[in-house]
């Protein structure tokens, strides 16, 4: 099972990025998929998760980030708007099936 993220990059404060997480094999169904992030010198933290159509967010990203899931593609995305310097981190895709799976991460840097 592989998860791989894409869409990270450098963006100015107030900008937007869209992260994607693809899964292989696509036929493996995950009950819950989520995004985590880890900033330099900090522990990895949960950002958002989606289970069926129920989406939840950590307080610091509410109103700015949107998680969505494409069941046909077995993938998730994270639309990030109004990005702030404190959003700078490596973002990881996380999925639960028979066990937890992690992607390798994609770097998001918010800076002038």
Foldseek 3Di string as FASTA:
>chain_A
DAKAKDWADEAAAQAKIKMKIADPPLPADFQKKFKWWDDPPGDIGTAWMAGPHDIDGDPVQPPFKDKDADSVRRMIMIIGGRDDQVVFTWMWMWTHGVHIDIHPTDTHGYHD
